[in-house]
Protein backbone atom coordinates (compact mmCIF):
# COMPACT_ATOMS: atom_id res chain seq x y z
CA UNK A 1 -70.85 -7.67 116.71
CA UNK A 2 -72.69 -4.50 115.64
CA UNK A 3 -75.98 -6.41 115.57
CA UNK A 4 -75.39 -7.62 119.15
CA UNK A 5 -74.71 -4.04 120.31
CA UNK A 6 -77.86 -2.75 118.60
CA UNK A 7 -79.97 -5.53 120.12
CA UNK A 8 -78.47 -4.77 123.53
CA UNK A 9 -79.33 -1.07 123.20
CA UNK A 10 -82.89 -1.86 122.11
CA UNK A 11 -83.31 -4.28 124.99
CA UNK A 12 -82.10 -1.65 127.47
CA UNK A 13 -84.62 0.88 126.14
CA UNK A 14 -87.42 -1.70 126.23
CA UNK A 15 -86.71 -2.61 129.87
CA UNK A 16 -86.72 1.06 130.92
CA UNK A 17 -89.97 1.67 129.04
CA UNK A 18 -91.57 -1.43 130.56
CA UNK A 19 -90.73 -0.18 134.07
CA UNK A 20 -92.40 3.16 133.39
CA UNK A 21 -95.50 1.49 131.91
CA UNK A 22 -95.72 -0.82 134.92
CA UNK A 23 -95.45 2.12 137.35
CA UNK A 24 -98.16 4.03 135.47
CA UNK A 25 -100.40 0.96 135.65
CA UNK A 26 -99.88 0.65 139.42
CA UNK A 27 -100.65 4.37 139.91
CA UNK A 28 -103.81 4.21 137.79
CA UNK A 29 -105.07 1.02 139.44
CA UNK A 30 -104.44 2.32 142.95
CA UNK A 31 -106.09 5.68 142.19
CA UNK A 32 -109.15 3.88 140.84
CA UNK A 33 -109.34 1.53 143.84
CA UNK A 34 -108.97 4.53 146.15
CA UNK A 35 -111.96 6.19 144.51
CA UNK A 36 -113.98 2.96 144.76
CA UNK A 37 -113.21 2.70 148.49
CA UNK A 38 -113.96 6.37 149.15
CA UNK A 39 -117.26 6.15 147.26
CA UNK A 40 -118.23 3.02 149.18
CA UNK A 41 -117.59 4.83 152.48
CA UNK A 42 -119.67 7.83 151.35
CA UNK A 43 -122.60 5.67 150.21
CA UNK A 44 -122.41 3.64 153.43
CA UNK A 45 -122.54 6.87 155.46
CA UNK A 46 -125.56 8.07 153.49
CA UNK A 47 -127.36 4.75 154.03
CA UNK A 48 -126.43 4.31 157.70
CA UNK A 49 -125.92 7.81 159.06
CA UNK A 50 -122.28 7.18 159.99
CA UNK A 51 -119.07 5.76 158.55
CA UNK A 52 -118.14 2.10 159.07
CA UNK A 53 -116.15 1.23 162.16
CA UNK A 54 -112.35 1.25 162.08
CA UNK A 55 -111.53 -2.45 162.33
CA UNK A 56 -107.88 -2.49 161.23
CA UNK A 57 -106.06 -3.19 157.95
CA UNK A 58 -107.63 -5.84 155.74
CA UNK A 59 -110.85 -6.07 157.71
CA UNK A 60 -114.17 -4.24 157.68
CA UNK A 61 -117.54 -4.57 159.38
CA UNK A 62 -119.67 -7.22 157.64
CA UNK A 63 -122.36 -4.73 156.70
CA UNK A 64 -119.79 -2.56 154.88
CA UNK A 65 -118.44 -5.38 152.71
CA UNK A 66 -121.57 -5.32 150.52
CA UNK A 67 -120.54 -1.83 149.36
CA UNK A 68 -117.20 -3.09 148.01
CA UNK A 69 -116.19 -5.48 145.23
CA UNK A 70 -115.70 -9.09 146.42
CA UNK A 71 -112.48 -9.70 148.40
CA UNK A 72 -111.54 -6.02 148.18
CA UNK A 73 -110.44 -5.73 151.82
CA UNK A 74 -108.52 -9.01 151.92
CA UNK A 75 -106.59 -8.40 148.68
CA UNK A 76 -103.29 -6.54 148.77
CA UNK A 77 -103.43 -3.04 147.25
CA UNK A 78 -101.47 -2.35 144.04
CA UNK A 79 -98.77 -0.60 146.14
CA UNK A 80 -98.70 -3.32 148.82
CA UNK A 81 -100.32 -3.38 152.22
CA UNK A 82 -104.01 -3.75 152.95
CA UNK A 83 -106.88 -1.27 152.75
CA UNK A 84 -107.86 0.28 156.04
CA UNK A 85 -110.76 2.36 157.29
CA UNK A 86 -109.41 5.22 159.39
CA UNK A 87 -111.70 6.93 161.85
CA UNK A 88 -109.49 9.35 163.77
CA UNK A 89 -111.16 12.23 165.58
CA UNK A 90 -107.91 12.92 167.48
CA UNK A 91 -106.19 13.90 164.20
CA UNK A 92 -109.13 16.08 163.22
CA UNK A 93 -110.39 13.61 160.61
CA UNK A 94 -113.88 12.16 160.74
CA UNK A 95 -113.16 9.43 158.18
CA UNK A 96 -110.34 8.46 155.84
CA UNK A 97 -109.17 5.64 153.63
CA UNK A 98 -105.68 4.36 154.32
CA UNK A 99 -103.27 1.55 153.56
CA UNK A 100 -101.98 -0.39 156.53
CA UNK A 101 -99.19 -2.95 156.81
CA UNK A 102 -97.27 -1.22 154.02
CA UNK A 103 -93.69 -2.50 153.94
CA UNK A 104 -91.01 -0.58 152.06
CA UNK A 105 -93.28 1.90 150.26
CA UNK A 106 -92.19 3.25 146.89
CA UNK A 107 -92.45 6.97 147.58
CA UNK A 108 -92.10 7.83 143.89
CA UNK A 109 -95.25 5.82 143.14
CA UNK A 110 -97.08 7.34 146.11
CA UNK A 111 -96.15 10.84 144.93
CA UNK A 112 -97.41 9.98 141.44
CA UNK A 113 -100.70 8.86 143.00
CA UNK A 114 -100.93 12.17 144.86
CA UNK A 115 -100.39 14.04 141.59
CA UNK A 116 -103.20 12.03 140.00
CA UNK A 117 -105.81 12.32 142.77
CA UNK A 118 -104.84 15.47 144.68
CA UNK A 119 -102.36 18.36 144.67
CA UNK A 120 -99.01 16.58 144.21
CA UNK A 121 -97.88 17.48 147.74
CA UNK A 122 -98.03 14.66 150.31
CA UNK A 123 -98.07 17.15 153.18
CA UNK A 124 -101.23 18.99 152.09
CA UNK A 125 -104.58 18.39 150.47
CA UNK A 126 -106.77 15.31 150.87
CA UNK A 127 -104.15 12.65 150.02
CA UNK A 128 -101.46 12.67 152.68
CA UNK A 129 -98.49 10.68 153.90
CA UNK A 130 -98.83 10.11 157.62
CA UNK A 131 -95.75 9.03 159.58
CA UNK A 132 -97.72 6.59 161.79
CA UNK A 133 -97.14 2.84 161.87
CA UNK A 134 -94.02 3.20 159.72
CA UNK A 135 -95.80 5.61 157.37
CA UNK A 136 -98.91 5.24 155.28
CA UNK A 137 -100.89 6.95 152.54
CA UNK A 138 -104.16 8.35 153.79
CA UNK A 139 -107.02 9.92 151.79
CA UNK A 140 -109.43 12.06 153.79
CA UNK A 141 -113.07 11.24 153.10
CA UNK A 142 -114.39 13.80 155.61
CA UNK A 143 -112.51 16.19 157.86
């Protein structure tokens, strides 16, 4: 009986640790992909004199796809949803990287991403949470 209790306690600790490791992996992968996307937009702008057109979540102009890894735009992000180019002069942003079609976002993960890539505050800095289209993370490439 004691052995069963000890095994149960160890299993509980292992499951909790596995969840934390998985969350850290998602945060690190998303942060890296975010940097890849932002860099691709910056290089594209240098080569073409302007940012790629805003074509909606999961799609991008054909000439921009060569700046990204294969199937990058069509593949779901580590936090869900699809990558999106955001060109929004009305919001005072020249260009941004966002995630569209994000259902049931894990705000704890998104906050951890903000701590890794920005200032840890989703209402300030370059990585923001915008309450449009049900809410979405948004990283400003150029204001």
